[in-house]
Structures are given as C-alpha cells and as structure tokens.
C-alpha atoms as a PDB file:
ATOM      1  CA  UNK A   1      -6.677  44.368 -14.701  1.00  0.00           C
ATOM      2  CA  UNK A   2      -3.591  42.430 -13.606  1.00  0.00           C
ATOM      3  CA  UNK A   3      -2.098  39.943 -15.101  1.00  0.00           C
ATOM      4  CA  UNK A   4      -0.340  37.181 -13.606  1.00  0.00           C
ATOM      5  CA  UNK A   5       2.758  35.671 -15.224  1.00  0.00           C
ATOM      6  CA  UNK A   6       3.413  32.555 -14.711  1.00  0.00           C
ATOM      7  CA  UNK A   7       7.254  31.563 -14.651  1.00  0.00           C
ATOM      8  CA  UNK A   8       8.467  28.149 -16.760  1.00  0.00           C
ATOM      9  CA  UNK A   9       9.897  25.799 -14.326  1.00  0.00           C
ATOM     10  CA  UNK A  10      13.141  23.887 -14.506  1.00  0.00           C
ATOM     11  CA  UNK A  11      13.079  20.459 -13.794  1.00  0.00           C
ATOM     12  CA  UNK A  12      13.820  20.575 -10.575  1.00  0.00           C
ATOM     13  CA  UNK A  13      11.842  23.188  -9.084  1.00  0.00           C
ATOM     14  CA  UNK A  14       8.828  21.159 -11.230  1.00  0.00           C
ATOM     15  CA  UNK A  15      10.292  18.731  -8.631  1.00  0.00           C
ATOM     16  CA  UNK A  16      10.086  20.509  -5.414  1.00  0.00           C
ATOM     17  CA  UNK A  17       6.657  21.504  -5.955  1.00  0.00           C
ATOM     18  CA  UNK A  18       5.092  18.430  -7.122  1.00  0.00           C
ATOM     19  CA  UNK A  19       7.003  17.663  -3.496  1.00  0.00           C
ATOM     20  CA  UNK A  20       5.751  20.368  -1.907  1.00  0.00           C
ATOM     21  CA  UNK A  21       1.795  19.886  -3.447  1.00  0.00           C
ATOM     22  CA  UNK A  22       1.848  15.938  -1.981  1.00  0.00           C
ATOM     23  CA  UNK A  23       1.571  14.477  -5.420  1.00  0.00           C
ATOM     24  CA  UNK A  24       4.019  11.725  -6.370  1.00  0.00           C
ATOM     25  CA  UNK A  25       2.932  11.290 -10.275  1.00  0.00           C
ATOM     26  CA  UNK A  26       5.845  12.130 -11.550  1.00  0.00           C
ATOM     27  CA  UNK A  27       7.186   9.124 -10.573  1.00  0.00           C
ATOM     28  CA  UNK A  28       4.670   6.629 -11.426  1.00  0.00           C
ATOM     29  CA  UNK A  29       4.154   4.734 -14.850  1.00  0.00           C
ATOM     30  CA  UNK A  30       0.703   4.819 -16.294  1.00  0.00           C
ATOM     31  CA  UNK A  31      -0.131   1.648 -15.152  1.00  0.00           C
ATOM     32  CA  UNK A  32       0.128   2.930 -11.219  1.00  0.00           C
ATOM     33  CA  UNK A  33      -1.526   5.888 -12.146  1.00  0.00           C
ATOM     34  CA  UNK A  34      -4.269   4.084 -13.044  1.00  0.00           C
ATOM     35  CA  UNK A  35      -4.157   1.673  -9.897  1.00  0.00           C
ATOM     36  CA  UNK A  36      -3.808   4.990  -8.206  1.00  0.00           C
ATOM     37  CA  UNK A  37      -6.587   6.989  -9.653  1.00  0.00           C
ATOM     38  CA  UNK A  38      -8.681   3.775  -8.933  1.00  0.00           C
ATOM     39  CA  UNK A  39      -7.648   3.807  -5.287  1.00  0.00           C
ATOM     40  CA  UNK A  40      -8.331   7.500  -4.985  1.00  0.00           C
ATOM     41  CA  UNK A  41     -11.977   6.770  -6.327  1.00  0.00           C
ATOM     42  CA  UNK A  42     -13.153   3.766  -4.942  1.00  0.00           C
ATOM     43  CA  UNK A  43     -15.743   3.844  -2.634  1.00  0.00           C
ATOM     44  CA  UNK A  44     -14.939   0.654  -0.972  1.00  0.00           C
ATOM     45  CA  UNK A  45     -13.298  -0.293   2.207  1.00  0.00           C
ATOM     46  CA  UNK A  46     -10.771  -2.952   0.445  1.00  0.00           C
ATOM     47  CA  UNK A  47      -9.184  -2.982  -2.636  1.00  0.00           C
ATOM     48  CA  UNK A  48      -7.789  -6.229  -4.777  1.00  0.00           C
ATOM     49  CA  UNK A  49      -5.228  -5.743  -7.006  1.00  0.00           C
ATOM     50  CA  UNK A  50      -4.310  -9.371  -8.717  1.00  0.00           C
ATOM     51  CA  UNK A  51      -0.844  -8.314 -10.803  1.00  0.00           C
ATOM     52  CA  UNK A  52       2.202  -9.874 -11.569  1.00  0.00           C
ATOM     53  CA  UNK A  53       5.578  -9.238 -10.834  1.00  0.00           C
ATOM     54  CA  UNK A  54       7.061  -6.248 -11.771  1.00  0.00           C
ATOM     55  CA  UNK A  55       3.786  -4.378 -12.345  1.00  0.00           C
ATOM     56  CA  UNK A  56       5.216  -1.768  -9.798  1.00  0.00           C
ATOM     57  CA  UNK A  57       2.775  -2.407  -6.393  1.00  0.00           C
ATOM     58  CA  UNK A  58       5.396  -1.769  -3.887  1.00  0.00           C
ATOM     59  CA  UNK A  59       6.536   0.617  -5.607  1.00  0.00           C
ATOM     60  CA  UNK A  60       3.038   2.681  -5.786  1.00  0.00           C
ATOM     61  CA  UNK A  61       1.574   1.302  -2.711  1.00  0.00           C
ATOM     62  CA  UNK A  62       5.146   2.981  -1.191  1.00  0.00           C
ATOM     63  CA  UNK A  63       4.506   6.092  -2.939  1.00  0.00           C
ATOM     64  CA  UNK A  64       0.653   6.597  -1.795  1.00  0.00           C
ATOM     65  CA  UNK A  65       2.068   6.160   2.195  1.00  0.00           C
ATOM     66  CA  UNK A  66       4.431   9.044   1.795  1.00  0.00           C
ATOM     67  CA  UNK A  67       1.888  11.583  -0.292  1.00  0.00           C
ATOM     68  CA  UNK A  68      -0.605  10.685   2.786  1.00  0.00           C
ATOM     69  CA  UNK A  69       2.574  11.796   5.118  1.00  0.00           C
ATOM     70  CA  UNK A  70       2.941  14.541   2.959  1.00  0.00           C
ATOM     71  CA  UNK A  71      -0.302  15.793   3.249  1.00  0.00           C
ATOM     72  CA  UNK A  72      -1.730  14.529   7.357  1.00  0.00           C
ATOM     73  CA  UNK A  73       1.653  15.580   8.689  1.00  0.00           C
ATOM     74  CA  UNK A  74       0.599  13.859  11.970  1.00  0.00           C
ATOM     75  CA  UNK A  75      -0.108  10.506   9.781  1.00  0.00           C
ATOM     76  CA  UNK A  76       0.584   7.091  10.791  1.00  0.00           C
ATOM     77  CA  UNK A  77       1.097   4.934   7.352  1.00  0.00           C
ATOM     78  CA  UNK A  78       1.304   1.374   8.539  1.00  0.00           C
ATOM     79  CA  UNK A  79       3.039  -0.845   5.840  1.00  0.00           C
ATOM     80  CA  UNK A  80       2.049  -4.822   6.397  1.00  0.00           C
ATOM     81  CA  UNK A  81       4.501  -7.559   4.960  1.00  0.00           C
ATOM     82  CA  UNK A  82       4.103 -11.174   5.493  1.00  0.00           C
ATOM     83  CA  UNK A  83       7.887 -11.178   7.227  1.00  0.00           C
ATOM     84  CA  UNK A  84      10.191  -8.495   8.938  1.00  0.00           C
ATOM     85  CA  UNK A  85      13.161  -9.211   6.533  1.00  0.00           C
ATOM     86  CA  UNK A  86      10.278  -8.090   3.500  1.00  0.00           C
ATOM     87  CA  UNK A  87       9.772  -4.848   5.333  1.00  0.00           C
ATOM     88  CA  UNK A  88      13.880  -4.155   5.298  1.00  0.00           C
ATOM     89  CA  UNK A  89      14.943  -6.540   1.609  1.00  0.00           C
ATOM     90  CA  UNK A  90      11.802  -4.720  -0.637  1.00  0.00           C
ATOM     91  CA  UNK A  91       9.830  -1.324   1.528  1.00  0.00           C
ATOM     92  CA  UNK A  92      13.262   0.272   3.031  1.00  0.00           C
ATOM     93  CA  UNK A  93      15.083   0.360  -0.598  1.00  0.00           C
ATOM     94  CA  UNK A  94      11.909   2.056  -1.840  1.00  0.00           C
ATOM     95  CA  UNK A  95      11.633   4.593   0.460  1.00  0.00           C
ATOM     96  CA  UNK A  96      14.699   5.482   0.067  1.00  0.00           C
ATOM     97  CA  UNK A  97      14.866   5.462  -3.803  1.00  0.00           C
ATOM     98  CA  UNK A  98      11.290   7.467  -3.850  1.00  0.00           C
ATOM     99  CA  UNK A  99      12.857   9.817  -0.862  1.00  0.00           C
ATOM    100  CA  UNK A 100      16.215  10.564  -3.201  1.00  0.00           C
ATOM    101  CA  UNK A 101      14.575  13.669  -4.645  1.00  0.00           C
ATOM    102  CA  UNK A 102      12.499  14.867  -1.868  1.00  0.00           C
ATOM    103  CA  UNK A 103      13.404  18.546  -0.027  1.00  0.00           C
ATOM    104  CA  UNK A 104      14.886  17.781   3.234  1.00  0.00           C
ATOM    105  CA  UNK A 105      13.066  19.451   5.145  1.00  0.00           C
ATOM    106  CA  UNK A 106       9.332  18.060   4.242  1.00  0.00           C
ATOM    107  CA  UNK A 107      10.957  14.680   4.212  1.00  0.00           C
ATOM    108  CA  UNK A 108       9.087  12.221   5.896  1.00  0.00           C
ATOM    109  CA  UNK A 109      11.014   9.835   8.325  1.00  0.00           C
ATOM    110  CA  UNK A 110      11.011   5.889   8.145  1.00  0.00           C
ATOM    111  CA  UNK A 111      10.562   4.698  11.663  1.00  0.00           C
END
C-alpha cells in the first residue's frame, strides 16, 4: 500500500496554490467569509446586504469577481457603480490590491 506524502507549503506556496484553485478566502475576514457563504448558498437571484461603511463589501465583491474569472476563464464579469469615477476611485485600486499576490501567468485582466 502506497502512502501519500504531503509536504508543508510555505506561506507563498499556499497563497499561489489558493490562487490557482480560484479561492481567495485567505484575503477575506470573518464577516466577508460569512457574506460569501450566504452568496454561494442562496437560491435567490438577488441578495441585498444592508451594511455600514467599512465592512468590506466592495473588497468581497471584487474578490468574488476575480474568483469567477479564475474558475471560468471565458467569464465576463460586470461591476456596476453609481458613477464612472466610483469605478476608477474605488474599484480599480481594489483590483490592484487584491491581485498583488496573484501569479502573473493567471492574473485576470481588468478592462
């Protein structure tokens, strides 16, 4: 009988492995993980979150958009904002920050 040997991953290796699986949970806090669980398990087509500022809604939604792109390479994800300047001022920096640790060969492209 053959036994499987598992090596311990370093922090960088674990992060790269998570990216390659398309799972960015390591970038989320407990509240965001709970919101992601609700999003993934609901049968509804519409989810409404009534949350205060600074909870991490935008960070979570950008992370979910990136996960979608990583797990479905032909995916086109649209992110709506009240104004174009909101997209530039809020969303673009979040994409840059989240993608900092992404391996270059799988990095989704922001258009």
